[in-house]
N, C-alpha and C. Protein backbone atom coordinates (compact mmCIF):
# COMPACT_ATOMS: atom_id res chain seq x y z
N MET A 1 14.57 3.51 -14.48
CA MET A 1 14.48 4.14 -13.36
C MET A 1 13.80 3.87 -12.23
N THR A 2 14.38 3.04 -11.50
CA THR A 2 14.57 3.26 -10.56
C THR A 2 14.13 4.52 -9.07
N ASP A 3 12.64 4.34 -7.71
CA ASP A 3 12.32 5.64 -7.33
C ASP A 3 12.90 6.02 -7.12
N LEU A 4 14.33 5.56 -6.71
CA LEU A 4 14.35 6.35 -5.54
C LEU A 4 16.19 7.18 -6.71
N THR A 5 16.43 6.20 -7.66
CA THR A 5 16.98 7.34 -9.24
C THR A 5 16.42 8.60 -9.50
N ALA A 6 15.02 8.80 -9.82
CA ALA A 6 14.08 9.21 -10.74
C ALA A 6 13.78 10.34 -8.87
N TYR A 7 13.60 10.01 -7.96
CA TYR A 7 13.80 11.20 -6.71
C TYR A 7 15.37 12.09 -6.27
N ALA A 8 16.23 11.25 -6.97
CA ALA A 8 17.05 12.19 -5.98
C ALA A 8 17.53 12.51 -7.59
N GLY A 9 16.73 11.90 -8.56
CA GLY A 9 17.65 13.45 -9.98
C GLY A 9 16.88 14.37 -9.84
N LEU A 10 15.37 14.58 -9.21
CA LEU A 10 14.08 15.36 -9.15
C LEU A 10 14.86 16.82 -7.55
N PHE A 11 16.35 15.68 -7.40
CA PHE A 11 16.06 17.04 -5.84
C PHE A 11 17.52 17.66 -6.72
N LEU A 12 18.50 16.83 -7.32
CA LEU A 12 20.18 17.15 -7.80
C LEU A 12 19.14 18.35 -8.91
N ALA A 13 18.29 18.14 -9.49
CA ALA A 13 17.61 18.80 -10.83
C ALA A 13 17.42 20.30 -9.75
N ALA A 14 16.38 19.88 -8.93
CA ALA A 14 16.33 21.64 -7.98
C ALA A 14 16.74 22.54 -7.59
N LEU A 15 18.27 21.38 -6.67
CA LEU A 15 18.80 22.32 -6.19
C LEU A 15 19.81 22.79 -7.16
N LEU A 16 20.74 22.39 -7.70
CA LEU A 16 20.71 23.38 -8.85
C LEU A 16 19.65 24.25 -9.80
N ALA A 17 19.34 24.11 -10.41
CA ALA A 17 18.18 24.99 -10.55
C ALA A 17 17.76 26.58 -9.68
N ALA A 18 18.14 26.32 -8.58
CA ALA A 18 18.32 27.37 -7.69
C ALA A 18 19.18 27.79 -7.69
N THR A 19 20.22 27.64 -8.22
CA THR A 19 21.94 27.83 -8.16
C THR A 19 21.59 29.18 -9.26
N ILE A 20 23.35 29.95 -9.26
CA ILE A 20 23.65 31.06 -10.73
C ILE A 20 23.64 29.70 -11.24
N LEU A 21 23.75 28.45 -11.69
CA LEU A 21 23.50 27.68 -12.30
C LEU A 21 21.81 28.16 -13.66
N PRO A 22 22.64 27.50 -14.45
CA PRO A 22 21.10 27.58 -15.57
C PRO A 22 20.46 26.84 -16.10
N MET A 23 19.75 26.00 -14.75
CA MET A 23 19.16 24.95 -15.28
C MET A 23 17.96 25.28 -15.18
N GLN A 24 16.91 23.87 -15.46
CA GLN A 24 15.59 24.10 -14.91
C GLN A 24 15.40 23.16 -14.01
N SER A 25 14.42 23.00 -12.69
CA SER A 25 13.72 21.58 -12.75
C SER A 25 12.17 21.13 -12.58
N GLU A 26 11.57 22.24 -13.43
CA GLU A 26 10.50 22.42 -14.52
C GLU A 26 9.99 20.78 -14.99
N ALA A 27 10.94 20.98 -16.15
CA ALA A 27 10.68 19.55 -17.36
C ALA A 27 10.49 18.06 -16.02
N VAL A 28 12.04 18.11 -15.12
CA VAL A 28 11.71 16.85 -14.61
C VAL A 28 10.04 17.18 -13.53
N LEU A 29 9.40 17.27 -13.51
CA LEU A 29 9.00 17.34 -12.66
C LEU A 29 8.22 16.71 -13.20
N VAL A 30 7.50 17.96 -13.82
CA VAL A 30 6.33 17.70 -14.91
C VAL A 30 6.09 15.71 -15.38
N GLY A 31 7.70 15.85 -15.99
CA GLY A 31 8.11 14.91 -16.64
C GLY A 31 7.79 13.68 -15.31
N LEU A 32 8.08 13.47 -14.22
CA LEU A 32 7.97 12.68 -13.31
C LEU A 32 6.51 12.14 -13.34
N LEU A 33 5.99 13.79 -12.66
CA LEU A 33 4.27 13.79 -12.63
C LEU A 33 3.39 12.55 -13.64
N LEU A 34 4.13 13.15 -14.49
CA LEU A 34 3.47 12.15 -15.87
C LEU A 34 3.03 10.94 -15.09
N ALA A 35 5.01 10.69 -15.78
CA ALA A 35 5.03 9.13 -15.74
C ALA A 35 4.27 8.48 -14.23
N ASP A 36 3.40 9.92 -13.69
CA ASP A 36 3.05 8.25 -12.47
C ASP A 36 3.69 7.97 -10.91
N TYR A 37 4.71 8.84 -10.46
CA TYR A 37 5.37 8.80 -9.59
C TYR A 37 4.02 9.95 -8.19
N SER A 38 4.16 9.56 -7.28
CA SER A 38 4.19 10.88 -6.67
C SER A 38 3.87 11.67 -5.87
N PRO A 39 2.66 12.94 -6.79
CA PRO A 39 3.01 14.17 -7.10
C PRO A 39 2.89 14.85 -5.97
N TRP A 40 3.18 14.28 -4.03
CA TRP A 40 2.86 14.97 -2.70
C TRP A 40 4.40 14.56 -3.10
N LEU A 41 4.64 13.75 -2.99
CA LEU A 41 6.48 13.20 -2.73
C LEU A 41 7.37 14.26 -3.79
N LEU A 42 6.89 13.97 -4.68
CA LEU A 42 7.60 15.05 -5.97
C LEU A 42 8.24 16.51 -5.60
N ILE A 43 7.16 17.22 -5.37
CA ILE A 43 6.64 18.26 -4.63
C ILE A 43 7.44 17.92 -3.27
N ALA A 44 7.38 17.71 -2.09
CA ALA A 44 8.68 17.63 -1.35
C ALA A 44 9.94 17.43 -1.65
N VAL A 45 10.38 16.67 -2.17
CA VAL A 45 11.22 16.82 -2.55
C VAL A 45 11.43 17.95 -3.43
N ALA A 46 11.12 18.23 -4.81
CA ALA A 46 11.24 19.05 -5.05
C ALA A 46 11.64 20.52 -4.72
N SER A 47 10.99 19.89 -4.08
CA SER A 47 11.08 21.93 -2.66
C SER A 47 11.91 21.88 -2.25
N VAL A 48 12.48 20.92 -1.72
CA VAL A 48 13.72 21.46 -0.69
C VAL A 48 14.58 20.78 -0.99
N GLY A 49 15.03 20.31 -2.48
CA GLY A 49 16.07 20.40 -3.20
C GLY A 49 15.80 22.35 -3.74
N ASN A 50 15.36 23.20 -4.26
CA ASN A 50 14.68 23.78 -4.51
C ASN A 50 15.04 25.33 -3.20
N VAL A 51 14.75 25.28 -2.45
CA VAL A 51 14.89 26.17 -1.39
C VAL A 51 16.11 25.55 -0.77
N LEU A 52 16.99 23.86 0.11
CA LEU A 52 18.09 24.27 -0.66
C LEU A 52 19.39 24.53 -0.80
N GLY A 53 18.76 24.92 -2.61
CA GLY A 53 19.98 25.78 -3.66
C GLY A 53 19.85 26.91 -3.26
N SER A 54 18.58 27.61 -2.41
CA SER A 54 18.74 28.83 -2.38
C SER A 54 19.28 29.97 -0.64
N VAL A 55 19.46 28.95 -0.26
CA VAL A 55 19.73 28.37 1.09
C VAL A 55 21.76 29.03 1.16
N ILE A 56 22.18 28.34 -0.01
CA ILE A 56 23.35 28.50 -0.71
C ILE A 56 23.56 29.59 -1.40
N ASN A 57 22.76 29.45 -1.99
CA ASN A 57 22.71 31.21 -2.53
C ASN A 57 23.16 32.36 -0.83
N TRP A 58 21.52 32.56 0.26
CA TRP A 58 22.41 32.59 1.05
C TRP A 58 23.38 33.16 1.93
N LEU A 59 23.83 32.14 1.70
CA LEU A 59 25.24 31.16 2.49
C LEU A 59 26.09 32.08 1.58
N LEU A 60 26.42 32.21 0.36
CA LEU A 60 27.33 32.49 -0.27
C LEU A 60 27.71 34.24 -0.38
N GLY A 61 26.13 34.90 -0.37
CA GLY A 61 25.81 35.81 0.07
C GLY A 61 26.72 36.16 0.90
N ARG A 62 26.55 36.22 2.03
CA ARG A 62 26.85 36.70 3.31
C ARG A 62 28.49 36.34 3.34
N GLY A 63 29.02 35.21 2.58
CA GLY A 63 30.66 35.46 2.79
C GLY A 63 31.00 36.19 1.88
N ILE A 64 29.77 36.59 0.56
CA ILE A 64 31.05 36.97 -0.69
C ILE A 64 31.05 38.65 -1.16
N GLU A 65 30.71 39.26 0.47
CA GLU A 65 31.18 40.78 0.69
C GLU A 65 32.02 41.31 0.82
N ARG A 66 32.89 40.51 1.89
CA ARG A 66 34.04 40.38 1.73
C ARG A 66 34.87 40.10 1.21
N PHE A 67 34.63 40.53 0.37
CA PHE A 67 35.69 40.41 -1.43
C PHE A 67 35.82 41.32 -2.56
N ARG A 68 34.33 42.21 -1.47
CA ARG A 68 34.09 43.57 -2.54
C ARG A 68 35.36 44.22 -3.30
N SER A 69 36.27 44.24 -2.56
CA SER A 69 37.21 44.99 -2.69
C SER A 69 38.24 44.34 -4.58
N GLN A 70 38.28 43.29 -4.57
CA GLN A 70 38.77 42.46 -5.39
C GLN A 70 38.60 42.93 -6.59
N ARG A 71 39.15 42.49 -7.98
CA ARG A 71 38.05 42.92 -9.42
C ARG A 71 37.85 42.00 -9.63
N TRP A 72 37.70 40.99 -9.67
CA TRP A 72 36.82 39.96 -10.13
C TRP A 72 35.50 40.42 -9.41
N PHE A 73 34.96 40.44 -8.59
CA PHE A 73 33.57 40.71 -7.23
C PHE A 73 32.52 40.84 -8.31
N PRO A 74 31.56 40.71 -8.40
CA PRO A 74 30.50 41.30 -9.48
C PRO A 74 30.07 42.24 -9.76
N MET A 75 29.88 43.47 -8.29
CA MET A 75 29.51 44.32 -8.31
C MET A 75 30.51 45.69 -8.17
N ASN A 76 30.03 46.61 -9.18
CA ASN A 76 31.25 47.60 -8.26
C ASN A 76 29.72 48.39 -6.39
N GLN A 77 31.23 49.50 -6.71
CA GLN A 77 30.50 50.03 -5.32
C GLN A 77 28.56 50.66 -5.74
N ALA A 78 29.55 51.33 -6.79
CA ALA A 78 27.69 51.76 -6.71
C ALA A 78 26.60 50.73 -7.13
N GLN A 79 26.53 50.06 -7.56
CA GLN A 79 25.80 48.70 -7.58
C GLN A 79 25.02 48.04 -6.22
N LEU A 80 26.32 48.32 -5.38
CA LEU A 80 25.49 47.58 -4.40
C LEU A 80 24.38 48.33 -2.93
N ASP A 81 25.99 49.63 -3.11
CA ASP A 81 24.91 51.94 -2.95
C ASP A 81 23.53 51.04 -3.47
N ARG A 82 22.93 50.65 -4.71
CA ARG A 82 21.59 50.72 -5.18
C ARG A 82 20.94 48.84 -4.77
N ALA A 83 22.10 48.51 -4.97
CA ALA A 83 20.91 47.76 -4.78
C ALA A 83 20.78 47.55 -2.84
N GLN A 84 21.49 47.73 -1.90
CA GLN A 84 20.97 48.29 -0.39
C GLN A 84 20.17 49.30 -0.56
N VAL A 85 19.85 50.10 -1.50
CA VAL A 85 18.62 51.48 -1.19
C VAL A 85 17.08 50.75 -2.03
N TRP A 86 17.56 49.78 -2.58
CA TRP A 86 16.63 49.33 -3.49
C TRP A 86 16.41 48.08 -2.44
N TYR A 87 16.42 47.51 -1.97
CA TYR A 87 16.19 46.23 -1.46
C TYR A 87 15.64 46.49 0.25
N ARG A 88 16.29 47.92 0.31
CA ARG A 88 15.55 48.57 1.47
C ARG A 88 14.27 48.82 1.82
N ARG A 89 14.54 49.43 0.60
CA ARG A 89 12.96 50.93 0.38
C ARG A 89 11.58 49.91 -0.07
N CYS A 90 11.65 48.34 -0.55
CA CYS A 90 10.92 47.15 -1.47
C CYS A 90 11.37 46.38 -0.26
N GLY A 91 12.75 46.19 1.15
CA GLY A 91 11.91 45.13 2.51
C GLY A 91 12.29 43.59 1.64
N LYS A 92 11.88 42.78 2.14
CA LYS A 92 11.77 41.34 2.16
C LYS A 92 11.00 40.83 1.29
N TRP A 93 10.13 41.38 1.14
CA TRP A 93 9.12 40.91 0.37
C TRP A 93 9.43 39.95 -1.16
N PRO A 94 10.45 41.00 -1.64
CA PRO A 94 10.77 40.33 -3.17
C PRO A 94 11.07 38.74 -2.95
N LEU A 95 11.64 38.66 -2.41
CA LEU A 95 11.52 37.45 -1.89
C LEU A 95 11.08 36.06 -2.58
N LEU A 96 9.36 36.74 -1.87
CA LEU A 96 8.57 36.16 -2.58
C LEU A 96 8.42 35.26 -4.40
N LEU A 97 9.52 36.42 -4.98
CA LEU A 97 9.56 36.25 -6.49
C LEU A 97 10.73 35.27 -6.35
N SER A 98 11.53 34.85 -5.30
CA SER A 98 12.20 34.22 -6.05
C SER A 98 12.23 32.14 -6.70
N TRP A 99 11.21 32.46 -7.05
CA TRP A 99 10.43 30.76 -7.90
C TRP A 99 10.91 31.52 -9.30
N LEU A 100 11.49 32.88 -9.90
CA LEU A 100 11.43 33.13 -11.14
C LEU A 100 12.37 32.99 -12.36
N PRO A 101 12.21 32.95 -12.77
CA PRO A 101 14.09 32.73 -13.63
C PRO A 101 14.79 34.06 -13.74
N ILE A 102 15.92 33.78 -13.98
CA ILE A 102 16.69 34.07 -14.54
C ILE A 102 16.52 35.72 -13.23
N VAL A 103 15.34 36.04 -12.45
CA VAL A 103 15.86 37.30 -10.93
C VAL A 103 15.62 36.37 -10.18
N GLY A 104 15.25 35.03 -9.74
CA GLY A 104 15.12 34.96 -8.29
C GLY A 104 16.31 34.72 -8.32
N ASP A 105 16.43 34.06 -8.76
CA ASP A 105 18.54 33.10 -8.29
C ASP A 105 18.96 34.64 -7.32
N PRO A 106 19.47 35.53 -8.08
CA PRO A 106 20.56 36.36 -8.45
C PRO A 106 19.16 37.88 -6.19
N LEU A 107 18.53 37.52 -6.48
CA LEU A 107 17.33 38.14 -5.19
C LEU A 107 17.92 37.08 -3.65
N THR A 108 17.86 36.49 -4.88
CA THR A 108 18.54 34.39 -3.00
C THR A 108 19.71 35.37 -2.41
N VAL A 109 20.79 35.99 -3.36
CA VAL A 109 21.92 36.52 -3.46
C VAL A 109 21.92 37.24 -2.76
N VAL A 110 21.36 38.37 -3.14
CA VAL A 110 21.61 39.87 -2.11
C VAL A 110 20.91 39.63 -0.75
N ALA A 111 20.09 38.34 -0.48
CA ALA A 111 19.44 39.07 0.56
C ALA A 111 20.72 38.23 1.74
N GLY A 112 21.91 37.44 1.04
CA GLY A 112 22.94 37.17 2.20
C GLY A 112 23.37 38.33 2.18
N VAL A 113 23.83 39.03 1.28
CA VAL A 113 24.94 40.15 0.54
C VAL A 113 24.00 41.57 1.60
N LEU A 114 23.21 41.17 2.14
CA LEU A 114 22.27 42.24 2.73
C LEU A 114 21.83 41.78 4.12
N ARG A 115 22.35 40.68 4.59
CA ARG A 115 21.76 40.41 5.60
C ARG A 115 20.84 40.03 5.99
N GLU A 116 19.71 39.61 5.00
CA GLU A 116 18.51 39.69 5.34
C GLU A 116 18.52 38.38 6.85
N PRO A 117 17.61 38.91 7.37
CA PRO A 117 17.34 37.44 9.11
C PRO A 117 17.46 36.24 8.40
N PHE A 118 17.47 34.88 9.15
CA PHE A 118 17.59 33.92 7.33
C PHE A 118 16.41 32.46 8.09
N ARG A 119 15.76 32.72 9.41
CA ARG A 119 14.23 33.01 9.18
C ARG A 119 13.12 33.74 8.70
N VAL A 120 13.68 34.29 8.27
CA VAL A 120 13.17 35.28 7.63
C VAL A 120 12.99 34.87 5.59
N PHE A 121 14.64 34.74 5.20
CA PHE A 121 14.97 34.12 3.53
C PHE A 121 14.45 33.24 3.91
N LEU A 122 14.68 31.76 4.58
CA LEU A 122 13.27 30.41 5.25
C LEU A 122 12.39 30.90 4.91
N LEU A 123 10.95 31.25 5.65
CA LEU A 123 9.76 32.00 5.67
C LEU A 123 9.26 31.53 4.19
N LEU A 124 10.47 32.97 3.63
CA LEU A 124 9.89 33.44 2.25
C LEU A 124 9.82 32.28 0.92
N VAL A 125 10.96 32.08 0.79
CA VAL A 125 12.17 31.25 -0.20
C VAL A 125 10.80 30.24 -0.03
N THR A 126 10.25 29.23 1.08
CA THR A 126 9.85 28.52 1.13
C THR A 126 8.90 28.19 1.27
N ALA A 127 8.03 29.26 1.17
CA ALA A 127 6.75 29.67 0.56
C ALA A 127 5.97 29.61 -1.05
N ALA A 128 7.47 30.84 -1.41
CA ALA A 128 8.06 31.00 -2.84
C ALA A 128 7.90 29.63 -3.93
N LYS A 129 8.73 28.61 -3.47
CA LYS A 129 9.24 27.93 -4.36
C LYS A 129 7.97 26.56 -4.14
N VAL A 130 7.44 26.01 -2.79
CA VAL A 130 6.52 25.72 -2.27
C VAL A 130 5.26 25.42 -3.83
N GLY A 131 5.02 26.79 -3.43
CA GLY A 131 3.91 27.08 -4.27
C GLY A 131 3.85 27.25 -5.66
N ARG A 132 5.12 27.59 -5.96
CA ARG A 132 5.49 27.37 -7.31
C ARG A 132 4.65 26.30 -8.54
N TYR A 133 5.71 24.90 -7.39
CA TYR A 133 5.33 23.81 -7.22
C TYR A 133 4.59 23.16 -7.18
N LEU A 134 3.06 23.74 -6.50
CA LEU A 134 2.06 23.14 -6.65
C LEU A 134 1.28 23.44 -7.21
N VAL A 135 1.46 24.93 -8.01
CA VAL A 135 0.74 25.68 -8.73
C VAL A 135 0.82 24.55 -10.49
N LEU A 136 2.31 24.32 -10.22
CA LEU A 136 2.93 23.85 -11.80
C LEU A 136 2.24 21.86 -11.79
N ALA A 137 2.92 21.59 -10.38
CA ALA A 137 1.47 20.16 -10.07
C ALA A 137 0.40 20.39 -10.64
N ALA A 138 -0.17 21.28 -9.70
CA ALA A 138 -1.74 21.07 -9.93
C ALA A 138 -2.35 21.48 -11.48
N VAL A 139 -1.19 22.11 -12.38
CA VAL A 139 -1.45 22.82 -14.25
C VAL A 139 -1.28 20.76 -15.06
N THR A 140 -0.48 20.35 -14.13
CA THR A 140 -0.44 19.30 -15.15
C THR A 140 -1.22 18.34 -14.99
N LEU A 141 -1.90 18.02 -14.13
CA LEU A 141 -1.84 17.38 -13.47
C LEU A 141 -3.40 17.34 -13.75
N SER A 142 -4.51 18.17 -14.44
CA SER A 142 -6.24 18.40 -14.67
C SER A 142 -6.28 18.55 -15.76
């Protein structure tokens, strides 16, 4: 496997894992770490891909609300109201949990629906995603 293929594969895995698709990038990162690729470059590539995937979710959230009246919309008005109350009560800080499986990706979509400012969103999600990959690399390489 060429270096470019390895890093591109990690980027794609991290990007797709951050969207609502059921994928994981951690296994790819660990495999490449154990194959002796540059840890710092792997962390950077995985982080950029994963944050970009979350930005896609945020953009989807920003755009999907206009379809709220459609039958296929994933939330009814009561669920959307509850999500808004919960998000307003907790504030932006749950975005630090955006790295978690299952709940992290929907959090980034909800942040878009509820119009979290992009700068705040990007800062918190980046901190969460980079932190997760740093911990994973440290555990793998220790």
